[in-house]
Amino acid sequence: ALAHPKLDSPGKAATDFYFYGNFYAAQAMFQTGGRDWTEWYPSMQRELLEKQRPDGSWEDPRNFGEAYATASAPLILEMPKRNLPIFAQ
């Protein structure tokens, strides 16, 4: 079971640094696996896709800007595909 209380939004734990925090949360949740991952990732995926702009970009007005957000969101979304070098065997 999740060790933290249920959140209205999976991204709420990283409100100050949304993309940065959720990128590292995605790695931790993926490596933890099991129920934590299967409950967290679909919600995070849905939340990110809802935040995506019609032109395909994301916005991070509080911190690092559009380029950072647009680079970070796909890294979170592709986590289950194990393409990041941290997953290399």
Protein backbone atom coordinates (compact mmCIF):
# COMPACT_ATOMS: atom_id res chain seq x y z
CA ALA A 1 0.00 0.00 0.00
CA LEU A 2 1.07 3.58 -0.50
CA ALA A 3 3.05 4.93 2.45
CA HIS A 4 1.62 8.42 2.05
CA PRO A 5 -1.95 9.67 2.31
CA LYS A 6 -4.03 9.67 -0.84
CA LEU A 7 -3.65 12.91 -2.75
CA ASP A 8 -6.27 14.61 -4.88
CA SER A 9 -3.58 14.81 -7.54
CA PRO A 10 -0.48 12.64 -7.96
CA GLY A 11 1.54 15.77 -8.70
CA LYS A 12 0.55 17.53 -5.47
CA ALA A 13 3.63 16.26 -3.64
CA ALA A 14 5.77 18.32 -6.01
CA THR A 15 3.90 21.60 -6.13
CA ASP A 16 6.93 23.87 -5.79
CA PHE A 17 8.98 22.08 -8.46
CA TYR A 18 6.31 20.14 -10.31
CA PHE A 19 8.29 18.63 -13.19
CA TYR A 20 11.55 18.14 -11.30
CA GLY A 21 9.81 16.53 -8.33
CA ASN A 22 7.59 14.30 -10.40
CA PHE A 23 10.47 13.14 -12.58
CA TYR A 24 12.21 11.78 -9.49
CA ALA A 25 8.94 10.52 -8.01
CA ALA A 26 8.33 8.58 -11.23
CA GLN A 27 11.70 6.87 -10.95
CA ALA A 28 11.11 5.96 -7.30
CA MET A 29 7.58 4.72 -7.92
CA PHE A 30 8.64 2.71 -10.98
CA GLN A 31 11.46 1.00 -9.12
CA THR A 32 9.20 0.35 -6.13
CA GLY A 33 6.70 -1.20 -8.51
CA GLY A 34 3.68 -3.16 -7.46
CA ARG A 35 0.57 -1.43 -6.24
CA ASP A 36 2.35 1.89 -5.60
CA TRP A 37 3.32 2.16 -9.26
CA THR A 38 0.05 0.84 -10.69
CA GLU A 39 -1.95 3.35 -8.64
CA TRP A 40 0.35 6.33 -9.09
CA TYR A 41 1.43 6.21 -12.74
CA PRO A 42 -1.97 6.17 -14.51
CA SER A 43 -3.04 9.19 -12.46
CA MET A 44 0.23 11.01 -13.14
CA GLN A 45 -0.01 10.18 -16.85
CA ARG A 46 -3.57 11.50 -17.02
CA GLU A 47 -2.60 14.66 -15.12
CA LEU A 48 0.36 15.38 -17.42
CA LEU A 49 -1.67 14.81 -20.57
CA GLU A 50 -4.36 17.17 -19.26
CA LYS A 51 -1.68 19.84 -18.71
CA GLN A 52 -0.27 19.46 -22.23
CA ARG A 53 -1.02 22.39 -24.51
CA PRO A 54 -2.58 21.94 -27.96
CA ASP A 55 0.83 22.59 -29.60
CA GLY A 56 2.35 19.67 -27.62
CA SER A 57 4.25 21.77 -25.09
CA TRP A 58 3.94 22.06 -21.31
CA GLU A 59 4.22 25.16 -19.16
CA ASP A 60 6.12 25.67 -15.90
CA PRO A 61 5.45 29.32 -15.06
CA ARG A 62 6.70 29.08 -11.47
CA ASN A 63 10.24 27.88 -12.08
CA PHE A 64 12.07 26.86 -15.22
CA GLY A 65 9.81 27.68 -18.14
CA GLU A 66 8.34 25.99 -21.16
CA ALA A 67 11.47 24.31 -22.54
CA TYR A 68 12.24 22.58 -19.25
CA ALA A 69 8.63 21.49 -18.74
CA THR A 70 8.34 20.22 -22.32
CA ALA A 71 11.56 18.22 -21.95
CA SER A 72 10.61 16.83 -18.53
CA ALA A 73 7.03 15.69 -19.14
CA PRO A 74 7.93 13.13 -21.83
CA LEU A 75 10.66 11.73 -19.57
CA ILE A 76 8.01 11.06 -16.95
CA LEU A 77 5.57 9.66 -19.50
CA GLU A 78 8.10 7.26 -21.01
CA MET A 79 9.22 5.82 -17.68
CA PRO A 80 7.40 2.46 -18.20
CA LYS A 81 9.28 1.95 -21.49
CA ARG A 82 12.62 1.83 -19.58
CA ASN A 83 14.42 4.02 -22.14
CA LEU A 84 16.34 6.16 -19.66
CA PRO A 85 20.01 5.26 -19.14
CA ILE A 86 19.34 4.65 -15.43
CA PHE A 87 17.52 1.49 -16.47
CA ALA A 88 20.34 0.14 -18.65
CA GLN A 89 21.54 -3.28 -17.57
